[in-house]
Amino acid sequence: FDFLSPCLQEVDIMRKVLPKAAFP
């Protein structure tokens, strides 16, 4: 019944909150 990916949604928020050098 998924309409969200648990893994990818986590990627999305961490891409936004982590410094650009730290996210990779």
mmCIF file of all heavy atoms, coordinates in Angstrom:
data_MODEL
# 
_entry.id   MODEL 
# 
loop_
_atom_site.group_PDB 
_atom_site.id 
_atom_site.type_symbol 
_atom_site.label_atom_id 
_atom_site.label_alt_id 
_atom_site.label_comp_id 
_atom_site.label_asym_id 
_atom_site.label_entity_id 
_atom_site.label_seq_id 
_atom_site.pdbx_PDB_ins_code 
_atom_site.Cartn_x 
_atom_site.Cartn_y 
_atom_site.Cartn_z 
_atom_site.occupancy 
_atom_site.B_iso_or_equiv 
_atom_site.pdbx_formal_charge 
_atom_site.auth_seq_id 
_atom_site.auth_comp_id 
_atom_site.auth_asym_id 
_atom_site.auth_atom_id 
_atom_site.pdbx_PDB_model_num 
ATOM 1   N N   . PHE A 1 1  ? 0.808  -1.216 0.000  1.00 0.00 ? 1  PHE A N   1 
ATOM 2   C CA  . PHE A 1 1  ? 0.000  0.000  0.000  1.00 0.00 ? 1  PHE A CA  1 
ATOM 3   C C   . PHE A 1 1  ? 0.845  1.271  0.000  1.00 0.00 ? 1  PHE A C   1 
ATOM 4   O O   . PHE A 1 1  ? 0.341  2.363  0.237  1.00 0.00 ? 1  PHE A O   1 
ATOM 5   C CB  . PHE A 1 1  ? -0.922 0.034  1.235  1.00 0.00 ? 1  PHE A CB  1 
ATOM 6   C CG  . PHE A 1 1  ? -1.919 -1.094 1.302  1.00 0.00 ? 1  PHE A CG  1 
ATOM 7   C CD1 . PHE A 1 1  ? -2.463 -1.468 2.528  1.00 0.00 ? 1  PHE A CD1 1 
ATOM 8   C CD2 . PHE A 1 1  ? -2.324 -1.778 0.167  1.00 0.00 ? 1  PHE A CD2 1 
ATOM 9   C CE1 . PHE A 1 1  ? -3.392 -2.494 2.612  1.00 0.00 ? 1  PHE A CE1 1 
ATOM 10  C CE2 . PHE A 1 1  ? -3.251 -2.811 0.237  1.00 0.00 ? 1  PHE A CE2 1 
ATOM 11  C CZ  . PHE A 1 1  ? -3.785 -3.172 1.461  1.00 0.00 ? 1  PHE A CZ  1 
ATOM 12  N N   . ASP A 1 2  ? 2.140  1.166  -0.267 1.00 0.00 ? 2  ASP A N   1 
ATOM 13  C CA  . ASP A 1 2  ? 3.022  2.328  -0.171 1.00 0.00 ? 2  ASP A CA  1 
ATOM 14  C C   . ASP A 1 2  ? 2.704  3.394  -1.209 1.00 0.00 ? 2  ASP A C   1 
ATOM 15  O O   . ASP A 1 2  ? 2.479  3.099  -2.382 1.00 0.00 ? 2  ASP A O   1 
ATOM 16  C CB  . ASP A 1 2  ? 4.476  1.911  -0.369 1.00 0.00 ? 2  ASP A CB  1 
ATOM 17  C CG  . ASP A 1 2  ? 5.092  1.286  0.871  1.00 0.00 ? 2  ASP A CG  1 
ATOM 18  O OD1 . ASP A 1 2  ? 4.407  1.189  1.900  1.00 0.00 ? 2  ASP A OD1 1 
ATOM 19  O OD2 . ASP A 1 2  ? 6.275  0.893  0.796  1.00 0.00 ? 2  ASP A OD2 1 
ATOM 20  N N   . PHE A 1 3  ? 2.728  4.659  -0.774 1.00 0.00 ? 3  PHE A N   1 
ATOM 21  C CA  . PHE A 1 3  ? 2.810  5.759  -1.725 1.00 0.00 ? 3  PHE A CA  1 
ATOM 22  C C   . PHE A 1 3  ? 4.027  6.636  -1.421 1.00 0.00 ? 3  PHE A C   1 
ATOM 23  O O   . PHE A 1 3  ? 4.276  7.630  -2.101 1.00 0.00 ? 3  PHE A O   1 
ATOM 24  C CB  . PHE A 1 3  ? 1.527  6.597  -1.769 1.00 0.00 ? 3  PHE A CB  1 
ATOM 25  C CG  . PHE A 1 3  ? 1.157  7.277  -0.475 1.00 0.00 ? 3  PHE A CG  1 
ATOM 26  C CD1 . PHE A 1 3  ? 1.669  8.516  -0.149 1.00 0.00 ? 3  PHE A CD1 1 
ATOM 27  C CD2 . PHE A 1 3  ? 0.266  6.686  0.403  1.00 0.00 ? 3  PHE A CD2 1 
ATOM 28  C CE1 . PHE A 1 3  ? 1.306  9.154  1.035  1.00 0.00 ? 3  PHE A CE1 1 
ATOM 29  C CE2 . PHE A 1 3  ? -0.108 7.310  1.585  1.00 0.00 ? 3  PHE A CE2 1 
ATOM 30  C CZ  . PHE A 1 3  ? 0.426  8.549  1.907  1.00 0.00 ? 3  PHE A CZ  1 
ATOM 31  N N   . LEU A 1 4  ? 4.773  6.241  -0.401 1.00 0.00 ? 4  LEU A N   1 
ATOM 32  C CA  . LEU A 1 4  ? 6.048  6.869  -0.065 1.00 0.00 ? 4  LEU A CA  1 
ATOM 33  C C   . LEU A 1 4  ? 7.090  5.771  0.111  1.00 0.00 ? 4  LEU A C   1 
ATOM 34  O O   . LEU A 1 4  ? 6.770  4.673  0.566  1.00 0.00 ? 4  LEU A O   1 
ATOM 35  C CB  . LEU A 1 4  ? 5.948  7.671  1.237  1.00 0.00 ? 4  LEU A CB  1 
ATOM 36  C CG  . LEU A 1 4  ? 4.944  8.830  1.277  1.00 0.00 ? 4  LEU A CG  1 
ATOM 37  C CD1 . LEU A 1 4  ? 4.797  9.326  2.714  1.00 0.00 ? 4  LEU A CD1 1 
ATOM 38  C CD2 . LEU A 1 4  ? 5.366  9.958  0.359  1.00 0.00 ? 4  LEU A CD2 1 
ATOM 39  N N   . SER A 1 5  ? 8.326  6.068  -0.222 1.00 0.00 ? 5  SER A N   1 
ATOM 40  C CA  . SER A 1 5  ? 9.438  5.158  0.040  1.00 0.00 ? 5  SER A CA  1 
ATOM 41  C C   . SER A 1 5  ? 10.068 5.531  1.370  1.00 0.00 ? 5  SER A C   1 
ATOM 42  O O   . SER A 1 5  ? 10.609 6.633  1.507  1.00 0.00 ? 5  SER A O   1 
ATOM 43  C CB  . SER A 1 5  ? 10.486 5.268  -1.074 1.00 0.00 ? 5  SER A CB  1 
ATOM 44  O OG  . SER A 1 5  ? 11.733 4.748  -0.652 1.00 0.00 ? 5  SER A OG  1 
ATOM 45  N N   . PRO A 1 6  ? 10.017 4.667  2.376  1.00 0.00 ? 6  PRO A N   1 
ATOM 46  C CA  . PRO A 1 6  ? 10.644 5.001  3.654  1.00 0.00 ? 6  PRO A CA  1 
ATOM 47  C C   . PRO A 1 6  ? 12.118 5.372  3.512  1.00 0.00 ? 6  PRO A C   1 
ATOM 48  O O   . PRO A 1 6  ? 12.588 6.318  4.147  1.00 0.00 ? 6  PRO A O   1 
ATOM 49  C CB  . PRO A 1 6  ? 10.461 3.718  4.477  1.00 0.00 ? 6  PRO A CB  1 
ATOM 50  C CG  . PRO A 1 6  ? 9.204  3.113  3.930  1.00 0.00 ? 6  PRO A CG  1 
ATOM 51  C CD  . PRO A 1 6  ? 9.256  3.395  2.451  1.00 0.00 ? 6  PRO A CD  1 
ATOM 52  N N   . CYS A 1 7  ? 12.853 4.647  2.667  1.00 0.00 ? 7  CYS A N   1 
ATOM 53  C CA  . CYS A 1 7  ? 14.278 4.945  2.483  1.00 0.00 ? 7  CYS A CA  1 
ATOM 54  C C   . CYS A 1 7  ? 14.473 6.293  1.789  1.00 0.00 ? 7  CYS A C   1 
ATOM 55  O O   . CYS A 1 7  ? 15.255 7.138  2.249  1.00 0.00 ? 7  CYS A O   1 
ATOM 56  C CB  . CYS A 1 7  ? 14.949 3.847  1.667  1.00 0.00 ? 7  CYS A CB  1 
ATOM 57  S SG  . CYS A 1 7  ? 15.159 2.283  2.552  1.00 0.00 ? 7  CYS A SG  1 
ATOM 58  N N   . LEU A 1 8  ? 13.775 6.513  0.694  1.00 0.00 ? 8  LEU A N   1 
ATOM 59  C CA  . LEU A 1 8  ? 14.003 7.727  -0.078 1.00 0.00 ? 8  LEU A CA  1 
ATOM 60  C C   . LEU A 1 8  ? 13.467 8.974  0.611  1.00 0.00 ? 8  LEU A C   1 
ATOM 61  O O   . LEU A 1 8  ? 14.038 10.064 0.467  1.00 0.00 ? 8  LEU A O   1 
ATOM 62  C CB  . LEU A 1 8  ? 13.396 7.588  -1.467 1.00 0.00 ? 8  LEU A CB  1 
ATOM 63  C CG  . LEU A 1 8  ? 14.121 6.620  -2.406 1.00 0.00 ? 8  LEU A CG  1 
ATOM 64  C CD1 . LEU A 1 8  ? 13.449 6.600  -3.781 1.00 0.00 ? 8  LEU A CD1 1 
ATOM 65  C CD2 . LEU A 1 8  ? 15.597 6.977  -2.555 1.00 0.00 ? 8  LEU A CD2 1 
ATOM 66  N N   . GLN A 1 9  ? 12.381 8.863  1.371  1.00 0.00 ? 9  GLN A N   1 
ATOM 67  C CA  . GLN A 1 9  ? 11.913 10.034 2.106  1.00 0.00 ? 9  GLN A CA  1 
ATOM 68  C C   . GLN A 1 9  ? 12.950 10.475 3.131  1.00 0.00 ? 9  GLN A C   1 
ATOM 69  O O   . GLN A 1 9  ? 13.129 11.673 3.379  1.00 0.00 ? 9  GLN A O   1 
ATOM 70  C CB  . GLN A 1 9  ? 10.574 9.733  2.780  1.00 0.00 ? 9  GLN A CB  1 
ATOM 71  C CG  . GLN A 1 9  ? 9.397  9.685  1.816  1.00 0.00 ? 9  GLN A CG  1 
ATOM 72  C CD  . GLN A 1 9  ? 9.195  10.967 1.047  1.00 0.00 ? 9  GLN A CD  1 
ATOM 73  O OE1 . GLN A 1 9  ? 9.242  12.059 1.613  1.00 0.00 ? 9  GLN A OE1 1 
ATOM 74  N NE2 . GLN A 1 9  ? 8.959  10.859 -0.251 1.00 0.00 ? 9  GLN A NE2 1 
ATOM 75  N N   . GLU A 1 10 ? 13.642 9.513  3.713  1.00 0.00 ? 10 GLU A N   1 
ATOM 76  C CA  . GLU A 1 10 ? 14.718 9.859  4.647  1.00 0.00 ? 10 GLU A CA  1 
ATOM 77  C C   . GLU A 1 10 ? 15.856 10.560 3.912  1.00 0.00 ? 10 GLU A C   1 
ATOM 78  O O   . GLU A 1 10 ? 16.444 11.526 4.420  1.00 0.00 ? 10 GLU A O   1 
ATOM 79  C CB  . GLU A 1 10 ? 15.213 8.585  5.336  1.00 0.00 ? 10 GLU A CB  1 
ATOM 80  C CG  . GLU A 1 10 ? 16.134 8.837  6.496  1.00 0.00 ? 10 GLU A CG  1 
ATOM 81  C CD  . GLU A 1 10 ? 16.406 7.589  7.328  1.00 0.00 ? 10 GLU A CD  1 
ATOM 82  O OE1 . GLU A 1 10 ? 15.511 6.712  7.414  1.00 0.00 ? 10 GLU A OE1 1 
ATOM 83  O OE2 . GLU A 1 10 ? 17.508 7.502  7.884  1.00 0.00 ? 10 GLU A OE2 1 
ATOM 84  N N   . VAL A 1 11 ? 16.169 10.085 2.714  1.00 0.00 ? 11 VAL A N   1 
ATOM 85  C CA  . VAL A 1 11 ? 17.182 10.749 1.892  1.00 0.00 ? 11 VAL A CA  1 
ATOM 86  C C   . VAL A 1 11 ? 16.784 12.200 1.641  1.00 0.00 ? 11 VAL A C   1 
ATOM 87  O O   . VAL A 1 11 ? 17.620 13.117 1.714  1.00 0.00 ? 11 VAL A O   1 
ATOM 88  C CB  . VAL A 1 11 ? 17.363 10.004 0.547  1.00 0.00 ? 11 VAL A CB  1 
ATOM 89  C CG1 . VAL A 1 11 ? 18.173 10.844 -0.444 1.00 0.00 ? 11 VAL A CG1 1 
ATOM 90  C CG2 . VAL A 1 11 ? 18.051 8.666  0.769  1.00 0.00 ? 11 VAL A CG2 1 
ATOM 91  N N   . ASP A 1 12 ? 15.512 12.431 1.363  1.00 0.00 ? 12 ASP A N   1 
ATOM 92  C CA  . ASP A 1 12 ? 15.041 13.764 1.005  1.00 0.00 ? 12 ASP A CA  1 
ATOM 93  C C   . ASP A 1 12 ? 15.217 14.765 2.137  1.00 0.00 ? 12 ASP A C   1 
ATOM 94  O O   . ASP A 1 12 ? 15.710 15.880 1.926  1.00 0.00 ? 12 ASP A O   1 
ATOM 95  C CB  . ASP A 1 12 ? 13.572 13.691 0.591  1.00 0.00 ? 12 ASP A CB  1 
ATOM 96  C CG  . ASP A 1 12 ? 13.198 14.778 -0.408 1.00 0.00 ? 12 ASP A CG  1 
ATOM 97  O OD1 . ASP A 1 12 ? 14.035 15.102 -1.271 1.00 0.00 ? 12 ASP A OD1 1 
ATOM 98  O OD2 . ASP A 1 12 ? 12.063 15.279 -0.346 1.00 0.00 ? 12 ASP A OD2 1 
ATOM 99  N N   . ILE A 1 13 ? 14.829 14.394 3.347  1.00 0.00 ? 13 ILE A N   1 
ATOM 100 C CA  . ILE A 1 13 ? 14.962 15.339 4.450  1.00 0.00 ? 13 ILE A CA  1 
ATOM 101 C C   . ILE A 1 13 ? 16.421 15.534 4.830  1.00 0.00 ? 13 ILE A C   1 
ATOM 102 O O   . ILE A 1 13 ? 16.849 16.665 5.116  1.00 0.00 ? 13 ILE A O   1 
ATOM 103 C CB  . ILE A 1 13 ? 14.112 14.913 5.688  1.00 0.00 ? 13 ILE A CB  1 
ATOM 104 C CG1 . ILE A 1 13 ? 14.229 15.951 6.813  1.00 0.00 ? 13 ILE A CG1 1 
ATOM 105 C CG2 . ILE A 1 13 ? 14.480 13.537 6.186  1.00 0.00 ? 13 ILE A CG2 1 
ATOM 106 C CD1 . ILE A 1 13 ? 13.793 17.365 6.436  1.00 0.00 ? 13 ILE A CD1 1 
ATOM 107 N N   . MET A 1 14 ? 17.225 14.491 4.779  1.00 0.00 ? 14 MET A N   1 
ATOM 108 C CA  . MET A 1 14 ? 18.634 14.650 5.153  1.00 0.00 ? 14 MET A CA  1 
ATOM 109 C C   . MET A 1 14 ? 19.400 15.458 4.109  1.00 0.00 ? 14 MET A C   1 
ATOM 110 O O   . MET A 1 14 ? 20.346 16.185 4.437  1.00 0.00 ? 14 MET A O   1 
ATOM 111 C CB  . MET A 1 14 ? 19.280 13.289 5.370  1.00 0.00 ? 14 MET A CB  1 
ATOM 112 C CG  . MET A 1 14 ? 18.699 12.532 6.561  1.00 0.00 ? 14 MET A CG  1 
ATOM 113 S SD  . MET A 1 14 ? 18.799 13.465 8.132  1.00 0.00 ? 14 MET A SD  1 
ATOM 114 C CE  . MET A 1 14 ? 20.490 13.062 8.621  1.00 0.00 ? 14 MET A CE  1 
ATOM 115 N N   . ARG A 1 15 ? 18.998 15.372 2.861  1.00 0.00 ? 15 ARG A N   1 
ATOM 116 C CA  . ARG A 1 15 ? 19.602 16.230 1.831  1.00 0.00 ? 15 ARG A CA  1 
ATOM 117 C C   . ARG A 1 15 ? 19.367 17.702 2.152  1.00 0.00 ? 15 ARG A C   1 
ATOM 118 O O   . ARG A 1 15 ? 20.227 18.557 1.884  1.00 0.00 ? 15 ARG A O   1 
ATOM 119 C CB  . ARG A 1 15 ? 18.999 15.893 0.460  1.00 0.00 ? 15 ARG A CB  1 
ATOM 120 C CG  . ARG A 1 15 ? 19.476 16.800 -0.665 1.00 0.00 ? 15 ARG A CG  1 
ATOM 121 C CD  . ARG A 1 15 ? 18.851 16.427 -1.988 1.00 0.00 ? 15 ARG A CD  1 
ATOM 122 N NE  . ARG A 1 15 ? 17.401 16.559 -1.996 1.00 0.00 ? 15 ARG A NE  1 
ATOM 123 C CZ  . ARG A 1 15 ? 16.759 17.703 -2.216 1.00 0.00 ? 15 ARG A CZ  1 
ATOM 124 N NH1 . ARG A 1 15 ? 17.442 18.817 -2.422 1.00 0.00 ? 15 ARG A NH1 1 
ATOM 125 N NH2 . ARG A 1 15 ? 15.431 17.736 -2.225 1.00 0.00 ? 15 ARG A NH2 1 
ATOM 126 N N   . LYS A 1 16 ? 18.236 18.000 2.762  1.00 0.00 ? 16 LYS A N   1 
ATOM 127 C CA  . LYS A 1 16 ? 17.888 19.384 3.056  1.00 0.00 ? 16 LYS A CA  1 
ATOM 128 C C   . LYS A 1 16 ? 18.554 19.916 4.326  1.00 0.00 ? 16 LYS A C   1 
ATOM 129 O O   . LYS A 1 16 ? 18.905 21.094 4.399  1.00 0.00 ? 16 LYS A O   1 
ATOM 130 C CB  . LYS A 1 16 ? 16.366 19.520 3.162  1.00 0.00 ? 16 LYS A CB  1 
ATOM 131 C CG  . LYS A 1 16 ? 15.644 19.242 1.849  1.00 0.00 ? 16 LYS A CG  1 
ATOM 132 C CD  . LYS A 1 16 ? 14.129 19.235 2.010  1.00 0.00 ? 16 LYS A CD  1 
ATOM 133 C CE  . LYS A 1 16 ? 13.444 18.906 0.689  1.00 0.00 ? 16 LYS A CE  1 
ATOM 134 N NZ  . LYS A 1 16 ? 11.965 18.889 0.788  1.00 0.00 ? 16 LYS A NZ  1 
ATOM 135 N N   . VAL A 1 17 ? 18.709 19.053 5.331  1.00 0.00 ? 17 VAL A N   1 
ATOM 136 C CA  . VAL A 1 17 ? 19.177 19.559 6.634  1.00 0.00 ? 17 VAL A CA  1 
ATOM 137 C C   . VAL A 1 17 ? 20.677 19.408 6.843  1.00 0.00 ? 17 VAL A C   1 
ATOM 138 O O   . VAL A 1 17 ? 21.245 20.094 7.703  1.00 0.00 ? 17 VAL A O   1 
ATOM 139 C CB  . VAL A 1 17 ? 18.426 18.879 7.798  1.00 0.00 ? 17 VAL A CB  1 
ATOM 140 C CG1 . VAL A 1 17 ? 16.928 19.077 7.660  1.00 0.00 ? 17 VAL A CG1 1 
ATOM 141 C CG2 . VAL A 1 17 ? 18.769 17.400 7.914  1.00 0.00 ? 17 VAL A CG2 1 
ATOM 142 N N   . LEU A 1 18 ? 21.331 18.534 6.098  1.00 0.00 ? 18 LEU A N   1 
ATOM 143 C CA  . LEU A 1 18 ? 22.776 18.351 6.285  1.00 0.00 ? 18 LEU A CA  1 
ATOM 144 C C   . LEU A 1 18 ? 23.560 19.331 5.419  1.00 0.00 ? 18 LEU A C   1 
ATOM 145 O O   . LEU A 1 18 ? 23.123 19.664 4.304  1.00 0.00 ? 18 LEU A O   1 
ATOM 146 C CB  . LEU A 1 18 ? 23.189 16.921 5.926  1.00 0.00 ? 18 LEU A CB  1 
ATOM 147 C CG  . LEU A 1 18 ? 22.777 15.821 6.904  1.00 0.00 ? 18 LEU A CG  1 
ATOM 148 C CD1 . LEU A 1 18 ? 23.231 14.463 6.375  1.00 0.00 ? 18 LEU A CD1 1 
ATOM 149 C CD2 . LEU A 1 18 ? 23.365 16.068 8.297  1.00 0.00 ? 18 LEU A CD2 1 
ATOM 150 N N   . PRO A 1 19 ? 24.711 19.792 5.899  1.00 0.00 ? 19 PRO A N   1 
ATOM 151 C CA  . PRO A 1 19 ? 25.579 20.622 5.057  1.00 0.00 ? 19 PRO A CA  1 
ATOM 152 C C   . PRO A 1 19 ? 25.929 19.880 3.770  1.00 0.00 ? 19 PRO A C   1 
ATOM 153 O O   . PRO A 1 19 ? 26.016 18.645 3.751  1.00 0.00 ? 19 PRO A O   1 
ATOM 154 C CB  . PRO A 1 19 ? 26.818 20.830 5.927  1.00 0.00 ? 19 PRO A CB  1 
ATOM 155 C CG  . PRO A 1 19 ? 26.341 20.642 7.332  1.00 0.00 ? 19 PRO A CG  1 
ATOM 156 C CD  . PRO A 1 19 ? 25.262 19.599 7.246  1.00 0.00 ? 19 PRO A CD  1 
ATOM 157 N N   . LYS A 1 20 ? 26.154 20.633 2.704  1.00 0.00 ? 20 LYS A N   1 
ATOM 158 C CA  . LYS A 1 20 ? 26.356 20.016 1.398  1.00 0.00 ? 20 LYS A CA  1 
ATOM 159 C C   . LYS A 1 20 ? 27.581 19.111 1.360  1.00 0.00 ? 20 LYS A C   1 
ATOM 160 O O   . LYS A 1 20 ? 27.627 18.140 0.601  1.00 0.00 ? 20 LYS A O   1 
ATOM 161 C CB  . LYS A 1 20 ? 26.473 21.093 0.320  1.00 0.00 ? 20 LYS A CB  1 
ATOM 162 C CG  . LYS A 1 20 ? 26.174 20.582 -1.078 1.00 0.00 ? 20 LYS A CG  1 
ATOM 163 C CD  . LYS A 1 20 ? 25.894 21.702 -2.052 1.00 0.00 ? 20 LYS A CD  1 
ATOM 164 C CE  . LYS A 1 20 ? 25.491 21.131 -3.423 1.00 0.00 ? 20 LYS A CE  1 
ATOM 165 N NZ  . LYS A 1 20 ? 25.208 22.195 -4.408 1.00 0.00 ? 20 LYS A NZ  1 
ATOM 166 N N   . ALA A 1 21 ? 28.560 19.401 2.204  1.00 0.00 ? 21 ALA A N   1 
ATOM 167 C CA  . ALA A 1 21 ? 29.753 18.549 2.244  1.00 0.00 ? 21 ALA A CA  1 
ATOM 168 C C   . ALA A 1 21 ? 29.534 17.298 3.082  1.00 0.00 ? 21 ALA A C   1 
ATOM 169 O O   . ALA A 1 21 ? 30.224 16.289 2.893  1.00 0.00 ? 21 ALA A O   1 
ATOM 170 C CB  . ALA A 1 21 ? 30.941 19.341 2.787  1.00 0.00 ? 21 ALA A CB  1 
ATOM 171 N N   . ALA A 1 22 ? 28.574 17.355 4.013  1.00 0.00 ? 22 ALA A N   1 
ATOM 172 C CA  . ALA A 1 22 ? 28.352 16.232 4.927  1.00 0.00 ? 22 ALA A CA  1 
ATOM 173 C C   . ALA A 1 22 ? 27.387 15.202 4.366  1.00 0.00 ? 22 ALA A C   1 
ATOM 174 O O   . ALA A 1 22 ? 27.513 14.006 4.660  1.00 0.00 ? 22 ALA A O   1 
ATOM 175 C CB  . ALA A 1 22 ? 27.834 16.751 6.268  1.00 0.00 ? 22 ALA A CB  1 
ATOM 176 N N   . PHE A 1 23 ? 26.431 15.644 3.565  1.00 0.00 ? 23 PHE A N   1 
ATOM 177 C CA  . PHE A 1 23 ? 25.415 14.724 3.066  1.00 0.00 ? 23 PHE A CA  1 
ATOM 178 C C   . PHE A 1 23 ? 25.999 13.548 2.281  1.00 0.00 ? 23 PHE A C   1 
ATOM 179 O O   . PHE A 1 23 ? 25.569 12.397 2.492  1.00 0.00 ? 23 PHE A O   1 
ATOM 180 C CB  . PHE A 1 23 ? 24.384 15.463 2.216  1.00 0.00 ? 23 PHE A CB  1 
ATOM 181 C CG  . PHE A 1 23 ? 23.354 14.565 1.591  1.00 0.00 ? 23 PHE A CG  1 
ATOM 182 C CD1 . PHE A 1 23 ? 22.287 14.076 2.332  1.00 0.00 ? 23 PHE A CD1 1 
ATOM 183 C CD2 . PHE A 1 23 ? 23.473 14.180 0.256  1.00 0.00 ? 23 PHE A CD2 1 
ATOM 184 C CE1 . PHE A 1 23 ? 21.340 13.234 1.749  1.00 0.00 ? 23 PHE A CE1 1 
ATOM 185 C CE2 . PHE A 1 23 ? 22.536 13.342 -0.327 1.00 0.00 ? 23 PHE A CE2 1 
ATOM 186 C CZ  . PHE A 1 23 ? 21.474 12.873 0.424  1.00 0.00 ? 23 PHE A CZ  1 
ATOM 187 N N   . PRO A 1 24 ? 26.962 13.750 1.379  1.00 0.00 ? 24 PRO A N   1 
ATOM 188 C CA  . PRO A 1 24 ? 27.511 12.598 0.639  1.00 0.00 ? 24 PRO A CA  1 
ATOM 189 C C   . PRO A 1 24 ? 28.117 11.538 1.544  1.00 0.00 ? 24 PRO A C   1 
ATOM 190 O O   . PRO A 1 24 ? 28.074 10.343 1.222  1.00 0.00 ? 24 PRO A O   1 
ATOM 191 C CB  . PRO A 1 24 ? 28.567 13.234 -0.266 1.00 0.00 ? 24 PRO A CB  1 
ATOM 192 C CG  . PRO A 1 24 ? 28.097 14.634 -0.463 1.00 0.00 ? 24 PRO A CG  1 
ATOM 193 C CD  . PRO A 1 24 ? 27.502 15.019 0.858  1.00 0.00 ? 24 PRO A CD  1 
# 
